[in-house]
Amino acid sequence: MNRIKELRLNKHLTLDDISKEVGIKRGTFNNYENGNTEPTLENWFKLARYFCVSLDYLTGFSDERR
C-alpha cells in the first residue's frame, strides 16, 4: 500500500473527504493511490501539508514523518 492511501485510511477518510479537504478530484486521488499516475509537485506539497508529514516521507524516500 502506498503512503498516500495509508495516511488517508489512518485518518478514516474517504476519497470524497480528501477531495473536499485538499481540493484534488476524487478520481485523480484514486489514481495516485493505485499508482496509475503521480501527483504534480504542487499536489505532493498539498498532501504533505495536509497530512503533516515531510515530502520525503510521503514519497517513500524516508521513514521519518517529519
PDB file of N, CA and C in Angstrom:
ATOM      1  N   MET A   1       0.861  -1.177   0.000  1.00  0.00           N
ATOM      2  CA  MET A   1       0.000   0.000   0.000  1.00  0.00           C
ATOM      3  C   MET A   1       0.906   1.238   0.000  1.00  0.00           C
ATOM      4  N   ASN A   2       0.553   2.222  -0.821  1.00  0.00           N
ATOM      5  CA  ASN A   2       1.390   3.420  -0.837  1.00  0.00           C
ATOM      6  C   ASN A   2       1.062   4.322   0.340  1.00  0.00           C
ATOM      7  N   ARG A   3       1.944   5.249   0.613  1.00  0.00           N
ATOM      8  CA  ARG A   3       1.804   6.099   1.794  1.00  0.00           C
ATOM      9  C   ARG A   3       0.591   7.010   1.719  1.00  0.00           C
ATOM     10  N   ILE A   4       0.240   7.455   0.527  1.00  0.00           N
ATOM     11  CA  ILE A   4      -0.924   8.335   0.395  1.00  0.00           C
ATOM     12  C   ILE A   4      -2.170   7.601   0.883  1.00  0.00           C
ATOM     13  N   LYS A   5      -2.345   6.396   0.426  1.00  0.00           N
ATOM     14  CA  LYS A   5      -3.516   5.615   0.830  1.00  0.00           C
ATOM     15  C   LYS A   5      -3.448   5.269   2.318  1.00  0.00           C
ATOM     16  N   GLU A   6      -2.274   4.891   2.774  1.00  0.00           N
ATOM     17  CA  GLU A   6      -2.086   4.552   4.183  1.00  0.00           C
ATOM     18  C   GLU A   6      -2.475   5.721   5.089  1.00  0.00           C
ATOM     19  N   LEU A   7      -2.011   6.911   4.751  1.00  0.00           N
ATOM     20  CA  LEU A   7      -2.324   8.094   5.558  1.00  0.00           C
ATOM     21  C   LEU A   7      -3.817   8.411   5.531  1.00  0.00           C
ATOM     22  N   ARG A   8      -4.431   8.276   4.375  1.00  0.00           N
ATOM     23  CA  ARG A   8      -5.873   8.533   4.266  1.00  0.00           C
ATOM     24  C   ARG A   8      -6.656   7.556   5.129  1.00  0.00           C
ATOM     25  N   LEU A   9      -6.318   6.278   5.033  1.00  0.00           N
ATOM     26  CA  LEU A   9      -7.040   5.261   5.798  1.00  0.00           C
ATOM     27  C   LEU A   9      -6.810   5.419   7.301  1.00  0.00           C
ATOM     28  N   ASN A  10      -5.603   5.808   7.694  1.00  0.00           N
ATOM     29  CA  ASN A  10      -5.318   6.023   9.116  1.00  0.00           C
ATOM     30  C   ASN A  10      -6.157   7.148   9.702  1.00  0.00           C
ATOM     31  N   LYS A  11      -6.543   8.099   8.873  1.00  0.00           N
ATOM     32  CA  LYS A  11      -7.404   9.200   9.319  1.00  0.00           C
ATOM     33  C   LYS A  11      -8.882   8.884   9.128  1.00  0.00           C
ATOM     34  N   HIS A  12      -9.172   7.677   8.651  1.00  0.00           N
ATOM     35  CA  HIS A  12     -10.552   7.233   8.418  1.00  0.00           C
ATOM     36  C   HIS A  12     -11.296   8.171   7.465  1.00  0.00           C
ATOM     37  N   LEU A  13     -10.598   8.554   6.389  1.00  0.00           N
ATOM     38  CA  LEU A  13     -11.174   9.454   5.398  1.00  0.00           C
ATOM     39  C   LEU A  13     -11.531   8.699   4.131  1.00  0.00           C
ATOM     40  N   THR A  14     -12.583   9.145   3.474  1.00  0.00           N
ATOM     41  CA  THR A  14     -12.962   8.590   2.179  1.00  0.00           C
ATOM     42  C   THR A  14     -12.297   9.415   1.082  1.00  0.00           C
ATOM     43  N   LEU A  15     -12.363   8.903  -0.129  1.00  0.00           N
ATOM     44  CA  LEU A  15     -11.850   9.680  -1.261  1.00  0.00           C
ATOM     45  C   LEU A  15     -12.610  10.992  -1.406  1.00  0.00           C
ATOM     46  N   ASP A  16     -13.906  10.971  -1.124  1.00  0.00           N
ATOM     47  CA  ASP A  16     -14.695  12.205  -1.188  1.00  0.00           C
ATOM     48  C   ASP A  16     -14.238  13.208  -0.132  1.00  0.00           C
ATOM     49  N   ASP A  17     -13.898  12.718   1.072  1.00  0.00           N
ATOM     50  CA  ASP A  17     -13.397  13.608   2.122  1.00  0.00           C
ATOM     51  C   ASP A  17     -12.130  14.317   1.671  1.00  0.00           C
ATOM     52  N   ILE A  18     -11.200  13.549   1.127  1.00  0.00           N
ATOM     53  CA  ILE A  18      -9.932  14.119   0.669  1.00  0.00           C
ATOM     54  C   ILE A  18     -10.169  15.130  -0.440  1.00  0.00           C
ATOM     55  N   SER A  19     -11.047  14.792  -1.353  1.00  0.00           N
ATOM     56  CA  SER A  19     -11.355  15.697  -2.454  1.00  0.00           C
ATOM     57  C   SER A  19     -11.806  17.060  -1.936  1.00  0.00           C
ATOM     58  N   LYS A  20     -12.680  17.043  -0.950  1.00  0.00           N
ATOM     59  CA  LYS A  20     -13.192  18.294  -0.377  1.00  0.00           C
ATOM     60  C   LYS A  20     -12.127  19.026   0.424  1.00  0.00           C
ATOM     61  N   GLU A  21     -11.363  18.293   1.219  1.00  0.00           N
ATOM     62  CA  GLU A  21     -10.382  18.902   2.116  1.00  0.00           C
ATOM     63  C   GLU A  21      -9.170  19.476   1.382  1.00  0.00           C
ATOM     64  N   VAL A  22      -8.675  18.744   0.402  1.00  0.00           N
ATOM     65  CA  VAL A  22      -7.420  19.122  -0.253  1.00  0.00           C
ATOM     66  C   VAL A  22      -7.645  19.810  -1.599  1.00  0.00           C
ATOM     67  N   GLY A  23      -8.794  19.549  -2.203  1.00  0.00           N
ATOM     68  CA  GLY A  23      -9.074  20.166  -3.496  1.00  0.00           C
ATOM     69  C   GLY A  23      -8.526  19.385  -4.672  1.00  0.00           C
ATOM     70  N   ILE A  24      -8.314  18.095  -4.467  1.00  0.00           N
ATOM     71  CA  ILE A  24      -7.873  17.215  -5.546  1.00  0.00           C
ATOM     72  C   ILE A  24      -9.063  16.343  -5.914  1.00  0.00           C
ATOM     73  N   LYS A  25      -9.366  16.262  -7.186  1.00  0.00           N
ATOM     74  CA  LYS A  25     -10.528  15.488  -7.615  1.00  0.00           C
ATOM     75  C   LYS A  25     -10.432  14.040  -7.129  1.00  0.00           C
ATOM     76  N   ARG A  26     -11.592  13.478  -6.831  1.00  0.00           N
ATOM     77  CA  ARG A  26     -11.678  12.113  -6.294  1.00  0.00           C
ATOM     78  C   ARG A  26     -10.983  11.106  -7.214  1.00  0.00           C
ATOM     79  N   GLY A  27     -11.269  11.167  -8.495  1.00  0.00           N
ATOM     80  CA  GLY A  27     -10.669  10.238  -9.454  1.00  0.00           C
ATOM     81  C   GLY A  27      -9.169  10.394  -9.553  1.00  0.00           C
ATOM     82  N   THR A  28      -8.704  11.620  -9.481  1.00  0.00           N
ATOM     83  CA  THR A  28      -7.268  11.893  -9.522  1.00  0.00           C
ATOM     84  C   THR A  28      -6.580  11.293  -8.306  1.00  0.00           C
ATOM     85  N   PHE A  29      -7.189  11.504  -7.139  1.00  0.00           N
ATOM     86  CA  PHE A  29      -6.618  10.959  -5.911  1.00  0.00           C
ATOM     87  C   PHE A  29      -6.614   9.430  -5.954  1.00  0.00           C
ATOM     88  N   ASN A  30      -7.671   8.859  -6.465  1.00  0.00           N
ATOM     89  CA  ASN A  30      -7.757   7.407  -6.608  1.00  0.00           C
ATOM     90  C   ASN A  30      -6.624   6.895  -7.505  1.00  0.00           C
ATOM     91  N   ASN A  31      -6.344   7.614  -8.575  1.00  0.00           N
ATOM     92  CA  ASN A  31      -5.233   7.233  -9.456  1.00  0.00           C
ATOM     93  C   ASN A  31      -3.888   7.306  -8.730  1.00  0.00           C
ATOM     94  N   TYR A  32      -3.709   8.299  -7.857  1.00  0.00           N
ATOM     95  CA  TYR A  32      -2.485   8.394  -7.071  1.00  0.00           C
ATOM     96  C   TYR A  32      -2.351   7.164  -6.179  1.00  0.00           C
ATOM     97  N   GLU A  33      -3.429   6.820  -5.503  1.00  0.00           N
ATOM     98  CA  GLU A  33      -3.395   5.681  -4.577  1.00  0.00           C
ATOM     99  C   GLU A  33      -3.121   4.360  -5.287  1.00  0.00           C
ATOM    100  N   ASN A  34      -3.626   4.215  -6.470  1.00  0.00           N
ATOM    101  CA  ASN A  34      -3.460   2.969  -7.205  1.00  0.00           C
ATOM    102  C   ASN A  34      -2.205   2.940  -8.072  1.00  0.00           C
ATOM    103  N   GLY A  35      -1.429   4.012  -8.043  1.00  0.00           N
ATOM    104  CA  GLY A  35      -0.183   4.054  -8.792  1.00  0.00           C
ATOM    105  C   GLY A  35      -0.357   4.252 -10.281  1.00  0.00           C
ATOM    106  N   ASN A  36      -1.535   4.683 -10.704  1.00  0.00           N
ATOM    107  CA  ASN A  36      -1.780   4.915 -12.134  1.00  0.00           C
ATOM    108  C   ASN A  36      -1.156   6.220 -12.613  1.00  0.00           C
ATOM    109  N   THR A  37      -1.103   7.210 -11.741  1.00  0.00           N
ATOM    110  CA  THR A  37      -0.472   8.491 -12.051  1.00  0.00           C
ATOM    111  C   THR A  37       0.264   8.990 -10.824  1.00  0.00           C
ATOM    112  N   GLU A  38       1.182   9.919 -11.035  1.00  0.00           N
ATOM    113  CA  GLU A  38       1.920  10.552  -9.947  1.00  0.00           C
ATOM    114  C   GLU A  38       1.369  11.955  -9.727  1.00  0.00           C
ATOM    115  N   PRO A  39       1.306  12.386  -8.475  1.00  0.00           N
ATOM    116  CA  PRO A  39       0.869  13.761  -8.220  1.00  0.00           C
ATOM    117  C   PRO A  39       1.820  14.774  -8.849  1.00  0.00           C
ATOM    118  N   THR A  40       1.273  15.916  -9.190  1.00  0.00           N
ATOM    119  CA  THR A  40       2.118  17.029  -9.607  1.00  0.00           C
ATOM    120  C   THR A  40       2.893  17.494  -8.380  1.00  0.00           C
ATOM    121  N   LEU A  41       3.935  18.259  -8.592  1.00  0.00           N
ATOM    122  CA  LEU A  41       4.710  18.774  -7.468  1.00  0.00           C
ATOM    123  C   LEU A  41       3.809  19.580  -6.524  1.00  0.00           C
ATOM    124  N   GLU A  42       2.936  20.376  -7.098  1.00  0.00           N
ATOM    125  CA  GLU A  42       2.005  21.164  -6.287  1.00  0.00           C
ATOM    126  C   GLU A  42       1.138  20.259  -5.415  1.00  0.00           C
ATOM    127  N   ASN A  43       0.644  19.174  -5.987  1.00  0.00           N
ATOM    128  CA  ASN A  43      -0.206  18.270  -5.217  1.00  0.00           C
ATOM    129  C   ASN A  43       0.577  17.468  -4.187  1.00  0.00           C
ATOM    130  N   TRP A  44       1.838  17.121  -4.474  1.00  0.00           N
ATOM    131  CA  TRP A  44       2.667  16.480  -3.458  1.00  0.00           C
ATOM    132  C   TRP A  44       2.753  17.390  -2.235  1.00  0.00           C
ATOM    133  N   PHE A  45       3.002  18.684  -2.470  1.00  0.00           N
ATOM    134  CA  PHE A  45       3.115  19.628  -1.359  1.00  0.00           C
ATOM    135  C   PHE A  45       1.786  19.783  -0.617  1.00  0.00           C
ATOM    136  N   LYS A  46       0.684  19.856  -1.349  1.00  0.00           N
ATOM    137  CA  LYS A  46      -0.633  19.952  -0.703  1.00  0.00           C
ATOM    138  C   LYS A  46      -0.868  18.764   0.217  1.00  0.00           C
ATOM    139  N   LEU A  47      -0.565  17.572  -0.266  1.00  0.00           N
ATOM    140  CA  LEU A  47      -0.798  16.359   0.513  1.00  0.00           C
ATOM    141  C   LEU A  47       0.135  16.280   1.721  1.00  0.00           C
ATOM    142  N   ALA A  48       1.378  16.651   1.545  1.00  0.00           N
ATOM    143  CA  ALA A  48       2.323  16.631   2.669  1.00  0.00           C
ATOM    144  C   ALA A  48       1.872  17.597   3.756  1.00  0.00           C
ATOM    145  N   ARG A  49       1.428  18.779   3.362  1.00  0.00           N
ATOM    146  CA  ARG A  49       0.925  19.746   4.346  1.00  0.00           C
ATOM    147  C   ARG A  49      -0.327  19.225   5.027  1.00  0.00           C
ATOM    148  N   TYR A  50      -1.241  18.677   4.253  1.00  0.00           N
ATOM    149  CA  TYR A  50      -2.499  18.194   4.809  1.00  0.00           C
ATOM    150  C   TYR A  50      -2.268  17.084   5.832  1.00  0.00           C
ATOM    151  N   PHE A  51      -1.394  16.136   5.506  1.00  0.00           N
ATOM    152  CA  PHE A  51      -1.147  15.012   6.400  1.00  0.00           C
ATOM    153  C   PHE A  51      -0.063  15.304   7.447  1.00  0.00           C
ATOM    154  N   CYS A  52       0.512  16.505   7.406  1.00  0.00           N
ATOM    155  CA  CYS A  52       1.553  16.926   8.361  1.00  0.00           C
ATOM    156  C   CYS A  52       2.743  15.967   8.356  1.00  0.00           C
ATOM    157  N   VAL A  53       3.211  15.641   7.170  1.00  0.00           N
ATOM    158  CA  VAL A  53       4.385  14.785   7.013  1.00  0.00           C
ATOM    159  C   VAL A  53       5.345  15.458   6.041  1.00  0.00           C
ATOM    160  N   SER A  54       6.585  14.997   6.056  1.00  0.00           N
ATOM    161  CA  SER A  54       7.558  15.549   5.107  1.00  0.00           C
ATOM    162  C   SER A  54       7.278  15.005   3.713  1.00  0.00           C
ATOM    163  N   LEU A  55       7.743  15.724   2.743  1.00  0.00           N
ATOM    164  CA  LEU A  55       7.609  15.281   1.360  1.00  0.00           C
ATOM    165  C   LEU A  55       8.394  13.986   1.146  1.00  0.00           C
ATOM    166  N   ASP A  56       9.555  13.873   1.798  1.00  0.00           N
ATOM    167  CA  ASP A  56      10.342  12.649   1.694  1.00  0.00           C
ATOM    168  C   ASP A  56       9.584  11.444   2.241  1.00  0.00           C
ATOM    169  N   TYR A  57       8.887  11.626   3.344  1.00  0.00           N
ATOM    170  CA  TYR A  57       8.102  10.528   3.905  1.00  0.00           C
ATOM    171  C   TYR A  57       6.969  10.153   2.954  1.00  0.00           C
ATOM    172  N   LEU A  58       6.256  11.154   2.484  1.00  0.00           N
ATOM    173  CA  LEU A  58       5.102  10.913   1.623  1.00  0.00           C
ATOM    174  C   LEU A  58       5.496  10.182   0.344  1.00  0.00           C
ATOM    175  N   THR A  59       6.634  10.540  -0.212  1.00  0.00           N
ATOM    176  CA  THR A  59       7.066   9.926  -1.471  1.00  0.00           C
ATOM    177  C   THR A  59       7.822   8.610  -1.268  1.00  0.00           C
ATOM    178  N   GLY A  60       8.095   8.254  -0.012  1.00  0.00           N
ATOM    179  CA  GLY A  60       8.745   6.987   0.278  1.00  0.00           C
ATOM    180  C   GLY A  60      10.260   7.041   0.324  1.00  0.00           C
ATOM    181  N   PHE A  61      10.835   8.242   0.295  1.00  0.00           N
ATOM    182  CA  PHE A  61      12.299   8.377   0.357  1.00  0.00           C
ATOM    183  C   PHE A  61      12.830   8.326   1.777  1.00  0.00           C
ATOM    184  N   SER A  62      11.934   8.447   2.763  1.00  0.00           N
ATOM    185  CA  SER A  62      12.338   8.416   4.155  1.00  0.00           C
ATOM    186  C   SER A  62      11.254   7.742   4.983  1.00  0.00           C
ATOM    187  N   ASP A  63      11.659   7.178   6.103  1.00  0.00           N
ATOM    188  CA  ASP A  63      10.683   6.585   7.014  1.00  0.00           C
ATOM    189  C   ASP A  63      10.363   7.524   8.174  1.00  0.00           C
ATOM    190  N   GLU A  64      10.993   8.694   8.191  1.00  0.00           N
ATOM    191  CA  GLU A  64      10.729   9.686   9.229  1.00  0.00           C
ATOM    192  C   GLU A  64       9.628  10.620   8.758  1.00  0.00           C
ATOM    193  N   ARG A  65       8.573  10.720   9.558  1.00  0.00           N
ATOM    194  CA  ARG A  65       7.408  11.521   9.152  1.00  0.00           C
ATOM    195  C   ARG A  65       7.737  13.004   9.038  1.00  0.00           C
ATOM    196  N   ARG A  66       8.612  13.512   9.835  1.00  0.00           N
ATOM    197  CA  ARG A  66       8.952  14.944   9.829  1.00  0.00           C
ATOM    198  C   ARG A  66      10.391  15.161   9.611  1.00  0.00           C
TER     199      ARG A  66
END
